[in-house]
All heavy atoms as atom14 arrays in JSON, in Angstrom:
{
  "sequence": "LMEGLSGVGMIAGGLLVAALNPKRPIVTVLLALAASCLTVALTALAPA",
  "atom14_mask": [
    [1, 1, 1, 1, 1, 1, 1, 1, 0, 0, 0, 0, 0, 0],
    [1, 1, 1, 1, 1, 1, 1, 1, 0, 0, 0, 0, 0, 0],
    [1, 1, 1, 1, 1, 1, 1, 1, 1, 0, 0, 0, 0, 0],
    [1, 1, 1, 1, 0, 0, 0, 0, 0, 0, 0, 0, 0, 0],
    [1, 1, 1, 1, 1, 1, 1, 1, 0, 0, 0, 0, 0, 0],
    [1, 1, 1, 1, 1, 1, 0, 0, 0, 0, 0, 0, 0, 0],
    [1, 1, 1, 1, 0, 0, 0, 0, 0, 0, 0, 0, 0, 0],
    [1, 1, 1, 1, 1, 1, 1, 0, 0, 0, 0, 0, 0, 0],
    [1, 1, 1, 1, 0, 0, 0, 0, 0, 0, 0, 0, 0, 0],
    [1, 1, 1, 1, 1, 1, 1, 1, 0, 0, 0, 0, 0, 0],
    [1, 1, 1, 1, 1, 1, 1, 1, 0, 0, 0, 0, 0, 0],
    [1, 1, 1, 1, 1, 0, 0, 0, 0, 0, 0, 0, 0, 0],
    [1, 1, 1, 1, 0, 0, 0, 0, 0, 0, 0, 0, 0, 0],
    [1, 1, 1, 1, 0, 0, 0, 0, 0, 0, 0, 0, 0, 0],
    [1, 1, 1, 1, 1, 1, 1, 1, 0, 0, 0, 0, 0, 0],
    [1, 1, 1, 1, 1, 1, 1, 1, 0, 0, 0, 0, 0, 0],
    [1, 1, 1, 1, 1, 1, 1, 0, 0, 0, 0, 0, 0, 0],
    [1, 1, 1, 1, 1, 0, 0, 0, 0, 0, 0, 0, 0, 0],
    [1, 1, 1, 1, 1, 0, 0, 0, 0, 0, 0, 0, 0, 0],
    [1, 1, 1, 1, 1, 1, 1, 1, 0, 0, 0, 0, 0, 0],
    [1, 1, 1, 1, 1, 1, 1, 1, 0, 0, 0, 0, 0, 0],
    [1, 1, 1, 1, 1, 1, 1, 0, 0, 0, 0, 0, 0, 0],
    [1, 1, 1, 1, 1, 1, 1, 1, 1, 0, 0, 0, 0, 0],
    [1, 1, 1, 1, 1, 1, 1, 1, 1, 1, 1, 0, 0, 0],
    [1, 1, 1, 1, 1, 1, 1, 0, 0, 0, 0, 0, 0, 0],
    [1, 1, 1, 1, 1, 1, 1, 1, 0, 0, 0, 0, 0, 0],
    [1, 1, 1, 1, 1, 1, 1, 0, 0, 0, 0, 0, 0, 0],
    [1, 1, 1, 1, 1, 1, 1, 0, 0, 0, 0, 0, 0, 0],
    [1, 1, 1, 1, 1, 1, 1, 0, 0, 0, 0, 0, 0, 0],
    [1, 1, 1, 1, 1, 1, 1, 1, 0, 0, 0, 0, 0, 0],
    [1, 1, 1, 1, 1, 1, 1, 1, 0, 0, 0, 0, 0, 0],
    [1, 1, 1, 1, 1, 0, 0, 0, 0, 0, 0, 0, 0, 0],
    [1, 1, 1, 1, 1, 1, 1, 1, 0, 0, 0, 0, 0, 0],
    [1, 1, 1, 1, 1, 0, 0, 0, 0, 0, 0, 0, 0, 0],
    [1, 1, 1, 1, 1, 0, 0, 0, 0, 0, 0, 0, 0, 0],
    [1, 1, 1, 1, 1, 1, 0, 0, 0, 0, 0, 0, 0, 0],
    [1, 1, 1, 1, 1, 1, 0, 0, 0, 0, 0, 0, 0, 0],
    [1, 1, 1, 1, 1, 1, 1, 1, 0, 0, 0, 0, 0, 0],
    [1, 1, 1, 1, 1, 1, 1, 0, 0, 0, 0, 0, 0, 0],
    [1, 1, 1, 1, 1, 1, 1, 0, 0, 0, 0, 0, 0, 0],
    [1, 1, 1, 1, 1, 0, 0, 0, 0, 0, 0, 0, 0, 0],
    [1, 1, 1, 1, 1, 1, 1, 1, 0, 0, 0, 0, 0, 0],
    [1, 1, 1, 1, 1, 1, 1, 0, 0, 0, 0, 0, 0, 0],
    [1, 1, 1, 1, 1, 0, 0, 0, 0, 0, 0, 0, 0, 0],
    [1, 1, 1, 1, 1, 1, 1, 1, 0, 0, 0, 0, 0, 0],
    [1, 1, 1, 1, 1, 0, 0, 0, 0, 0, 0, 0, 0, 0],
    [1, 1, 1, 1, 1, 1, 1, 0, 0, 0, 0, 0, 0, 0],
    [1, 1, 1, 1, 1, 0, 0, 0, 0, 0, 0, 0, 0, 0]
  ],
  "atom14_positions": [
    [[15.11, 8.5, -3.52], [14.31, 8.94, -2.37], [12.89, 8.42, -2.47], [12.33, 7.89, -1.5], [14.31, 10.47, -2.3], [13.4, 11.07, -1.22], [13.92, 10.72, 0.17], [13.31, 12.59, -1.39], [0.0, 0.0, 0.0], [0.0, 0.0, 0.0], [0.0, 0.0, 0.0], [0.0, 0.0, 0.0], [0.0, 0.0, 0.0], [0.0, 0.0, 0.0]],
    [[12.31, 8.55, -3.66], [10.93, 8.11, -3.87], [10.79, 6.61, -3.66], [9.89, 6.14, -2.94], [10.51, 8.5, -5.29], [9.04, 8.36, -5.59], [8.7, 9.14, -7.19], [6.96, 8.75, -7.37], [0.0, 0.0, 0.0], [0.0, 0.0, 0.0], [0.0, 0.0, 0.0], [0.0, 0.0, 0.0], [0.0, 0.0, 0.0], [0.0, 0.0, 0.0]],
    [[11.68, 5.84, -4.26], [11.61, 4.38, -4.14], [11.96, 3.93, -2.72], [11.36, 2.99, -2.18], [12.55, 3.73, -5.15], [12.19, 4.0, -6.61], [10.91, 3.31, -7.04], [10.37, 2.51, -6.27], [10.45, 3.58, -8.15], [0.0, 0.0, 0.0], [0.0, 0.0, 0.0], [0.0, 0.0, 0.0], [0.0, 0.0, 0.0], [0.0, 0.0, 0.0]],
    [[12.94, 4.6, -2.11], [13.35, 4.2, -0.78], [12.25, 4.42, 0.25], [11.97, 3.54, 1.08], [0.0, 0.0, 0.0], [0.0, 0.0, 0.0], [0.0, 0.0, 0.0], [0.0, 0.0, 0.0], [0.0, 0.0, 0.0], [0.0, 0.0, 0.0], [0.0, 0.0, 0.0], [0.0, 0.0, 0.0], [0.0, 0.0, 0.0], [0.0, 0.0, 0.0]],
    [[11.59, 5.57, 0.21], [10.51, 5.83, 1.15], [9.3, 4.96, 0.86], [8.55, 4.59, 1.77], [10.13, 7.31, 1.12], [11.19, 8.26, 1.69], [10.72, 9.7, 1.61], [11.54, 7.89, 3.12], [0.0, 0.0, 0.0], [0.0, 0.0, 0.0], [0.0, 0.0, 0.0], [0.0, 0.0, 0.0], [0.0, 0.0, 0.0], [0.0, 0.0, 0.0]],
    [[9.1, 4.6, -0.4], [8.04, 3.65, -0.73], [8.32, 2.31, -0.05], [7.4, 1.63, 0.43], [7.94, 3.46, -2.24], [7.03, 2.42, -2.56], [0.0, 0.0, 0.0], [0.0, 0.0, 0.0], [0.0, 0.0, 0.0], [0.0, 0.0, 0.0], [0.0, 0.0, 0.0], [0.0, 0.0, 0.0], [0.0, 0.0, 0.0], [0.0, 0.0, 0.0]],
    [[9.59, 1.95, 0.0], [9.96, 0.72, 0.7], [9.63, 0.78, 2.18], [9.25, -0.23, 2.77], [0.0, 0.0, 0.0], [0.0, 0.0, 0.0], [0.0, 0.0, 0.0], [0.0, 0.0, 0.0], [0.0, 0.0, 0.0], [0.0, 0.0, 0.0], [0.0, 0.0, 0.0], [0.0, 0.0, 0.0], [0.0, 0.0, 0.0], [0.0, 0.0, 0.0]],
    [[9.77, 1.97, 2.78], [9.38, 2.13, 4.18], [7.89, 1.82, 4.34], [7.47, 1.15, 5.29], [9.69, 3.55, 4.68], [9.14, 3.77, 6.09], [11.19, 3.81, 4.66], [0.0, 0.0, 0.0], [0.0, 0.0, 0.0], [0.0, 0.0, 0.0], [0.0, 0.0, 0.0], [0.0, 0.0, 0.0], [0.0, 0.0, 0.0], [0.0, 0.0, 0.0]],
    [[7.09, 2.31, 3.37], [5.66, 2.0, 3.4], [5.41, 0.51, 3.27], [4.53, -0.05, 3.95], [0.0, 0.0, 0.0], [0.0, 0.0, 0.0], [0.0, 0.0, 0.0], [0.0, 0.0, 0.0], [0.0, 0.0, 0.0], [0.0, 0.0, 0.0], [0.0, 0.0, 0.0], [0.0, 0.0, 0.0], [0.0, 0.0, 0.0], [0.0, 0.0, 0.0]],
    [[6.17, -0.17, 2.41], [6.0, -1.61, 2.25], [6.38, -2.36, 3.52], [5.74, -3.35, 3.88], [6.84, -2.1, 1.06], [6.35, -1.59, -0.28], [7.39, -2.16, -1.66], [7.03, -3.92, -1.63], [0.0, 0.0, 0.0], [0.0, 0.0, 0.0], [0.0, 0.0, 0.0], [0.0, 0.0, 0.0], [0.0, 0.0, 0.0], [0.0, 0.0, 0.0]],
    [[7.41, -1.88, 4.19], [7.79, -2.5, 5.46], [6.65, -2.39, 6.46], [6.28, -3.36, 7.13], [9.06, -1.84, 6.03], [10.27, -2.15, 5.14], [9.33, -2.31, 7.45], [11.51, -1.38, 5.51], [0.0, 0.0, 0.0], [0.0, 0.0, 0.0], [0.0, 0.0, 0.0], [0.0, 0.0, 0.0], [0.0, 0.0, 0.0], [0.0, 0.0, 0.0]],
    [[6.07, -1.2, 6.55], [4.96, -0.98, 7.47], [3.78, -1.87, 7.12], [3.15, -2.49, 7.99], [4.55, 0.49, 7.46], [0.0, 0.0, 0.0], [0.0, 0.0, 0.0], [0.0, 0.0, 0.0], [0.0, 0.0, 0.0], [0.0, 0.0, 0.0], [0.0, 0.0, 0.0], [0.0, 0.0, 0.0], [0.0, 0.0, 0.0], [0.0, 0.0, 0.0]],
    [[3.46, -1.96, 5.82], [2.36, -2.81, 5.4], [2.6, -4.27, 5.69], [1.71, -4.99, 6.15], [0.0, 0.0, 0.0], [0.0, 0.0, 0.0], [0.0, 0.0, 0.0], [0.0, 0.0, 0.0], [0.0, 0.0, 0.0], [0.0, 0.0, 0.0], [0.0, 0.0, 0.0], [0.0, 0.0, 0.0], [0.0, 0.0, 0.0], [0.0, 0.0, 0.0]],
    [[3.83, -4.74, 5.44], [4.15, -6.13, 5.69], [4.11, -6.48, 7.16], [3.59, -7.53, 7.56], [0.0, 0.0, 0.0], [0.0, 0.0, 0.0], [0.0, 0.0, 0.0], [0.0, 0.0, 0.0], [0.0, 0.0, 0.0], [0.0, 0.0, 0.0], [0.0, 0.0, 0.0], [0.0, 0.0, 0.0], [0.0, 0.0, 0.0], [0.0, 0.0, 0.0]],
    [[4.67, -5.59, 8.01], [4.64, -5.83, 9.45], [3.22, -5.8, 9.99], [2.86, -6.56, 10.91], [5.51, -4.79, 10.17], [7.02, -4.91, 9.96], [7.75, -3.76, 10.64], [7.54, -6.25, 10.47], [0.0, 0.0, 0.0], [0.0, 0.0, 0.0], [0.0, 0.0, 0.0], [0.0, 0.0, 0.0], [0.0, 0.0, 0.0], [0.0, 0.0, 0.0]],
    [[2.39, -4.92, 9.41], [1.0, -4.85, 9.86], [0.25, -6.13, 9.54], [-0.55, -6.63, 10.34], [0.31, -3.65, 9.19], [-1.04, -3.22, 9.78], [-0.89, -2.86, 11.25], [-1.62, -2.06, 8.99], [0.0, 0.0, 0.0], [0.0, 0.0, 0.0], [0.0, 0.0, 0.0], [0.0, 0.0, 0.0], [0.0, 0.0, 0.0], [0.0, 0.0, 0.0]],
    [[0.52, -6.72, 8.36], [-0.09, -8.0, 8.01], [0.37, -9.09, 8.96], [-0.42, -9.9, 9.45], [0.25, -8.39, 6.56], [-0.17, -9.82, 6.28], [-0.45, -7.46, 5.59], [0.0, 0.0, 0.0], [0.0, 0.0, 0.0], [0.0, 0.0, 0.0], [0.0, 0.0, 0.0], [0.0, 0.0, 0.0], [0.0, 0.0, 0.0], [0.0, 0.0, 0.0]],
    [[1.68, -9.12, 9.24], [2.21, -10.13, 10.15], [1.59, -10.01, 11.54], [1.37, -11.02, 12.22], [3.73, -10.02, 10.23], [0.0, 0.0, 0.0], [0.0, 0.0, 0.0], [0.0, 0.0, 0.0], [0.0, 0.0, 0.0], [0.0, 0.0, 0.0], [0.0, 0.0, 0.0], [0.0, 0.0, 0.0], [0.0, 0.0, 0.0], [0.0, 0.0, 0.0]],
    [[1.32, -8.78, 11.96], [0.76, -8.57, 13.3], [-0.74, -8.86, 13.34], [-1.24, -9.46, 14.3], [1.02, -7.14, 13.74], [0.0, 0.0, 0.0], [0.0, 0.0, 0.0], [0.0, 0.0, 0.0], [0.0, 0.0, 0.0], [0.0, 0.0, 0.0], [0.0, 0.0, 0.0], [0.0, 0.0, 0.0], [0.0, 0.0, 0.0], [0.0, 0.0, 0.0]],
    [[-1.48, -8.43, 12.31], [-2.94, -8.55, 12.34], [-3.46, -9.87, 11.81], [-4.54, -10.32, 12.21], [-3.57, -7.39, 11.54], [-3.31, -5.97, 12.07], [-3.98, -4.95, 11.18], [-3.79, -5.84, 13.51], [0.0, 0.0, 0.0], [0.0, 0.0, 0.0], [0.0, 0.0, 0.0], [0.0, 0.0, 0.0], [0.0, 0.0, 0.0], [0.0, 0.0, 0.0]],
    [[-2.71, -10.48, 10.85], [-3.14, -11.75, 10.25], [-4.61, -11.66, 9.81], [-5.5, -12.29, 10.39], [-2.96, -12.9, 11.25], [-3.09, -14.26, 10.6], [-3.13, -14.37, 9.38], [-3.18, -15.3, 11.41], [0.0, 0.0, 0.0], [0.0, 0.0, 0.0], [0.0, 0.0, 0.0], [0.0, 0.0, 0.0], [0.0, 0.0, 0.0], [0.0, 0.0, 0.0]],
    [[-4.92, -10.86, 8.76], [-6.31, -10.59, 8.37], [-7.14, -11.85, 8.2], [-6.69, -12.83, 7.59], [-6.15, -9.85, 7.04], [-4.78, -9.26, 7.09], [-3.95, -10.23, 7.85], [0.0, 0.0, 0.0], [0.0, 0.0, 0.0], [0.0, 0.0, 0.0], [0.0, 0.0, 0.0], [0.0, 0.0, 0.0], [0.0, 0.0, 0.0], [0.0, 0.0, 0.0]],
    [[-8.37, -11.82, 8.7], [-9.27, -12.98, 8.64], [-10.06, -13.04, 7.34], [-10.67, -14.06, 7.04], [-10.23, -12.97, 9.83], [-9.53, -12.9, 11.19], [-8.53, -14.05, 11.37], [-7.86, -13.98, 12.75], [-6.81, -15.02, 12.89], [0.0, 0.0, 0.0], [0.0, 0.0, 0.0], [0.0, 0.0, 0.0], [0.0, 0.0, 0.0], [0.0, 0.0, 0.0]],
    [[-10.13, -11.93, 6.61], [-10.83, -11.91, 5.32], [-9.8, -11.6, 4.23], [-9.72, -10.47, 3.74], [-11.93, -10.85, 5.34], [-13.04, -11.06, 6.35], [-13.88, -12.29, 6.02], [-14.4, -12.26, 4.66], [-15.53, -11.61, 4.32], [-16.23, -10.97, 5.23], [-15.95, -11.67, 3.08], [0.0, 0.0, 0.0], [0.0, 0.0, 0.0], [0.0, 0.0, 0.0]],
    [[-9.0, -12.58, 3.85], [-7.87, -12.29, 2.95], [-8.26, -11.74, 1.59], [-7.61, -10.82, 1.09], [-7.17, -13.65, 2.82], [-8.19, -14.66, 3.23], [-9.06, -14.0, 4.24], [0.0, 0.0, 0.0], [0.0, 0.0, 0.0], [0.0, 0.0, 0.0], [0.0, 0.0, 0.0], [0.0, 0.0, 0.0], [0.0, 0.0, 0.0], [0.0, 0.0, 0.0]],
    [[-9.32, -12.27, 0.97], [-9.68, -11.79, -0.37], [-10.21, -10.37, -0.31], [-9.86, -9.53, -1.15], [-10.7, -12.74, -1.02], [-10.07, -14.12, -1.22], [-11.17, -12.18, -2.37], [-8.83, -14.14, -2.08], [0.0, 0.0, 0.0], [0.0, 0.0, 0.0], [0.0, 0.0, 0.0], [0.0, 0.0, 0.0], [0.0, 0.0, 0.0], [0.0, 0.0, 0.0]],
    [[-11.04, -10.07, 0.67], [-11.52, -8.7, 0.84], [-10.34, -7.76, 1.06], [-10.28, -6.66, 0.49], [-12.51, -8.62, 2.02], [-12.83, -7.17, 2.35], [-13.79, -9.37, 1.69], [0.0, 0.0, 0.0], [0.0, 0.0, 0.0], [0.0, 0.0, 0.0], [0.0, 0.0, 0.0], [0.0, 0.0, 0.0], [0.0, 0.0, 0.0], [0.0, 0.0, 0.0]],
    [[-9.38, -8.19, 1.87], [-8.19, -7.39, 2.12], [-7.41, -7.16, 0.83], [-6.95, -6.04, 0.56], [-7.29, -8.09, 3.16], [-8.02, -8.28, 4.37], [-6.06, -7.25, 3.45], [0.0, 0.0, 0.0], [0.0, 0.0, 0.0], [0.0, 0.0, 0.0], [0.0, 0.0, 0.0], [0.0, 0.0, 0.0], [0.0, 0.0, 0.0], [0.0, 0.0, 0.0]],
    [[-7.25, -8.2, 0.04], [-6.52, -8.08, -1.23], [-7.18, -7.05, -2.14], [-6.52, -6.15, -2.67], [-6.44, -9.46, -1.94], [-5.95, -9.28, -3.37], [-5.52, -10.4, -1.17], [0.0, 0.0, 0.0], [0.0, 0.0, 0.0], [0.0, 0.0, 0.0], [0.0, 0.0, 0.0], [0.0, 0.0, 0.0], [0.0, 0.0, 0.0], [0.0, 0.0, 0.0]],
    [[-8.49, -7.16, -2.32], [-9.19, -6.27, -3.26], [-9.13, -4.82, -2.81], [-8.85, -3.91, -3.62], [-10.64, -6.72, -3.41], [-10.85, -8.12, -4.04], [-12.33, -8.47, -4.08], [-10.25, -8.18, -5.44], [0.0, 0.0, 0.0], [0.0, 0.0, 0.0], [0.0, 0.0, 0.0], [0.0, 0.0, 0.0], [0.0, 0.0, 0.0], [0.0, 0.0, 0.0]],
    [[-9.4, -4.56, -1.54], [-9.42, -3.19, -1.05], [-8.02, -2.57, -1.04], [-7.83, -1.43, -1.46], [-10.02, -3.14, 0.35], [-11.53, -3.38, 0.46], [-11.97, -3.38, 1.91], [-12.31, -2.34, -0.34], [0.0, 0.0, 0.0], [0.0, 0.0, 0.0], [0.0, 0.0, 0.0], [0.0, 0.0, 0.0], [0.0, 0.0, 0.0], [0.0, 0.0, 0.0]],
    [[-7.04, -3.34, -0.56], [-5.7, -2.8, -0.44], [-5.07, -2.54, -1.81], [-4.43, -1.5, -2.03], [-4.82, -3.74, 0.38], [0.0, 0.0, 0.0], [0.0, 0.0, 0.0], [0.0, 0.0, 0.0], [0.0, 0.0, 0.0], [0.0, 0.0, 0.0], [0.0, 0.0, 0.0], [0.0, 0.0, 0.0], [0.0, 0.0, 0.0], [0.0, 0.0, 0.0]],
    [[-5.25, -3.48, -2.74], [-4.67, -3.27, -4.07], [-5.38, -2.13, -4.81], [-4.74, -1.4, -5.58], [-4.73, -4.56, -4.88], [-3.84, -5.71, -4.38], [-3.89, -6.88, -5.37], [-2.41, -5.26, -4.16], [0.0, 0.0, 0.0], [0.0, 0.0, 0.0], [0.0, 0.0, 0.0], [0.0, 0.0, 0.0], [0.0, 0.0, 0.0], [0.0, 0.0, 0.0]],
    [[-6.69, -1.97, -4.6], [-7.4, -0.84, -5.21], [-6.83, 0.49, -4.7], [-6.61, 1.43, -5.47], [-8.89, -0.93, -4.91], [0.0, 0.0, 0.0], [0.0, 0.0, 0.0], [0.0, 0.0, 0.0], [0.0, 0.0, 0.0], [0.0, 0.0, 0.0], [0.0, 0.0, 0.0], [0.0, 0.0, 0.0], [0.0, 0.0, 0.0], [0.0, 0.0, 0.0]],
    [[-6.59, 0.57, -3.39], [-6.0, 1.78, -2.82], [-4.6, 2.02, -3.37], [-4.22, 3.16, -3.68], [-5.96, 1.67, -1.3], [0.0, 0.0, 0.0], [0.0, 0.0, 0.0], [0.0, 0.0, 0.0], [0.0, 0.0, 0.0], [0.0, 0.0, 0.0], [0.0, 0.0, 0.0], [0.0, 0.0, 0.0], [0.0, 0.0, 0.0], [0.0, 0.0, 0.0]],
    [[-3.82, 0.95, -3.51], [-2.46, 1.08, -4.04], [-2.48, 1.62, -5.46], [-1.68, 2.5, -5.82], [-1.76, -0.28, -3.99], [-0.44, -0.18, -4.48], [0.0, 0.0, 0.0], [0.0, 0.0, 0.0], [0.0, 0.0, 0.0], [0.0, 0.0, 0.0], [0.0, 0.0, 0.0], [0.0, 0.0, 0.0], [0.0, 0.0, 0.0], [0.0, 0.0, 0.0]],
    [[-3.37, 1.11, -6.29], [-3.46, 1.56, -7.68], [-3.93, 3.01, -7.78], [-3.42, 3.8, -8.59], [-4.4, 0.65, -8.47], [-3.81, -1.04, -8.68], [0.0, 0.0, 0.0], [0.0, 0.0, 0.0], [0.0, 0.0, 0.0], [0.0, 0.0, 0.0], [0.0, 0.0, 0.0], [0.0, 0.0, 0.0], [0.0, 0.0, 0.0], [0.0, 0.0, 0.0]],
    [[-4.9, 3.38, -6.95], [-5.42, 4.74, -7.0], [-4.35, 5.76, -6.62], [-4.25, 6.84, -7.23], [-6.63, 4.87, -6.06], [-7.34, 6.23, -6.09], [-7.88, 6.54, -7.48], [-8.48, 6.25, -5.07], [0.0, 0.0, 0.0], [0.0, 0.0, 0.0], [0.0, 0.0, 0.0], [0.0, 0.0, 0.0], [0.0, 0.0, 0.0], [0.0, 0.0, 0.0]],
    [[-3.52, 5.43, -5.65], [-2.47, 6.37, -5.25], [-1.37, 6.48, -6.3], [-0.63, 7.46, -6.31], [-1.87, 5.96, -3.89], [-1.55, 4.57, -3.9], [-2.86, 6.24, -2.77], [0.0, 0.0, 0.0], [0.0, 0.0, 0.0], [0.0, 0.0, 0.0], [0.0, 0.0, 0.0], [0.0, 0.0, 0.0], [0.0, 0.0, 0.0], [0.0, 0.0, 0.0]],
    [[-1.26, 5.49, -7.19], [-0.35, 5.63, -8.33], [-0.78, 6.81, -9.19], [0.03, 7.63, -9.63], [-0.31, 4.32, -9.15], [0.35, 4.56, -10.51], [0.45, 3.24, -8.4], [0.0, 0.0, 0.0], [0.0, 0.0, 0.0], [0.0, 0.0, 0.0], [0.0, 0.0, 0.0], [0.0, 0.0, 0.0], [0.0, 0.0, 0.0], [0.0, 0.0, 0.0]],
    [[-2.09, 6.9, -9.45], [-2.62, 8.03, -10.24], [-2.39, 9.35, -9.51], [-2.01, 10.36, -10.12], [-4.11, 7.81, -10.51], [0.0, 0.0, 0.0], [0.0, 0.0, 0.0], [0.0, 0.0, 0.0], [0.0, 0.0, 0.0], [0.0, 0.0, 0.0], [0.0, 0.0, 0.0], [0.0, 0.0, 0.0], [0.0, 0.0, 0.0], [0.0, 0.0, 0.0]],
    [[-2.63, 9.36, -8.2], [-2.46, 10.59, -7.43], [-1.0, 11.05, -7.43], [-0.73, 12.25, -7.36], [-2.95, 10.38, -5.99], [-4.46, 10.13, -5.84], [-4.81, 9.79, -4.4], [-5.25, 11.36, -6.3], [0.0, 0.0, 0.0], [0.0, 0.0, 0.0], [0.0, 0.0, 0.0], [0.0, 0.0, 0.0], [0.0, 0.0, 0.0], [0.0, 0.0, 0.0]],
    [[-0.08, 10.11, -7.51], [1.35, 10.47, -7.57], [1.64, 11.37, -8.76], [2.32, 12.39, -8.65], [2.21, 9.2, -7.64], [2.01, 8.41, -6.47], [3.69, 9.54, -7.77], [0.0, 0.0, 0.0], [0.0, 0.0, 0.0], [0.0, 0.0, 0.0], [0.0, 0.0, 0.0], [0.0, 0.0, 0.0], [0.0, 0.0, 0.0], [0.0, 0.0, 0.0]],
    [[1.12, 10.98, -9.92], [1.39, 11.75, -11.14], [0.61, 13.06, -11.17], [0.98, 13.99, -11.91], [1.04, 10.91, -12.36], [0.0, 0.0, 0.0], [0.0, 0.0, 0.0], [0.0, 0.0, 0.0], [0.0, 0.0, 0.0], [0.0, 0.0, 0.0], [0.0, 0.0, 0.0], [0.0, 0.0, 0.0], [0.0, 0.0, 0.0], [0.0, 0.0, 0.0]],
    [[-0.48, 13.17, -10.41], [-1.28, 14.39, -10.4], [-0.68, 15.49, -9.53], [-1.15, 16.63, -9.53], [-2.7, 14.08, -9.91], [-3.57, 13.28, -10.89], [-4.91, 12.91, -10.26], [-3.79, 14.05, -12.19], [0.0, 0.0, 0.0], [0.0, 0.0, 0.0], [0.0, 0.0, 0.0], [0.0, 0.0, 0.0], [0.0, 0.0, 0.0], [0.0, 0.0, 0.0]],
    [[0.35, 15.16, -8.75], [1.01, 16.18, -7.93], [1.66, 17.23, -8.83], [2.26, 16.9, -9.86], [2.06, 15.53, -7.04], [0.0, 0.0, 0.0], [0.0, 0.0, 0.0], [0.0, 0.0, 0.0], [0.0, 0.0, 0.0], [0.0, 0.0, 0.0], [0.0, 0.0, 0.0], [0.0, 0.0, 0.0], [0.0, 0.0, 0.0], [0.0, 0.0, 0.0]],
    [[1.54, 18.51, -8.49], [2.18, 19.57, -9.3], [3.69, 19.37, -9.38], [4.3, 18.75, -8.5], [1.83, 20.85, -8.53], [0.61, 20.51, -7.73], [0.76, 19.06, -7.37], [0.0, 0.0, 0.0], [0.0, 0.0, 0.0], [0.0, 0.0, 0.0], [0.0, 0.0, 0.0], [0.0, 0.0, 0.0], [0.0, 0.0, 0.0], [0.0, 0.0, 0.0]],
    [[4.28, 19.91, -10.43], [5.71, 19.71, -10.68], [6.59, 20.19, -9.53], [7.66, 19.64, -9.29], [6.12, 20.4, -11.98], [0.0, 0.0, 0.0], [0.0, 0.0, 0.0], [0.0, 0.0, 0.0], [0.0, 0.0, 0.0], [0.0, 0.0, 0.0], [0.0, 0.0, 0.0], [0.0, 0.0, 0.0], [0.0, 0.0, 0.0], [0.0, 0.0, 0.0]]
  ]
}
């Protein structure tokens, strides 16, 4: 369930890139990957 719904998020992110075609690719890479990594930490901080 966790991995499958994460894939839904990846689909949304990929389609959004295809639609928007970001004009500042490096800025997009740094900000988006930072957000992705931070939410990894938040995943483990969720109560049992």
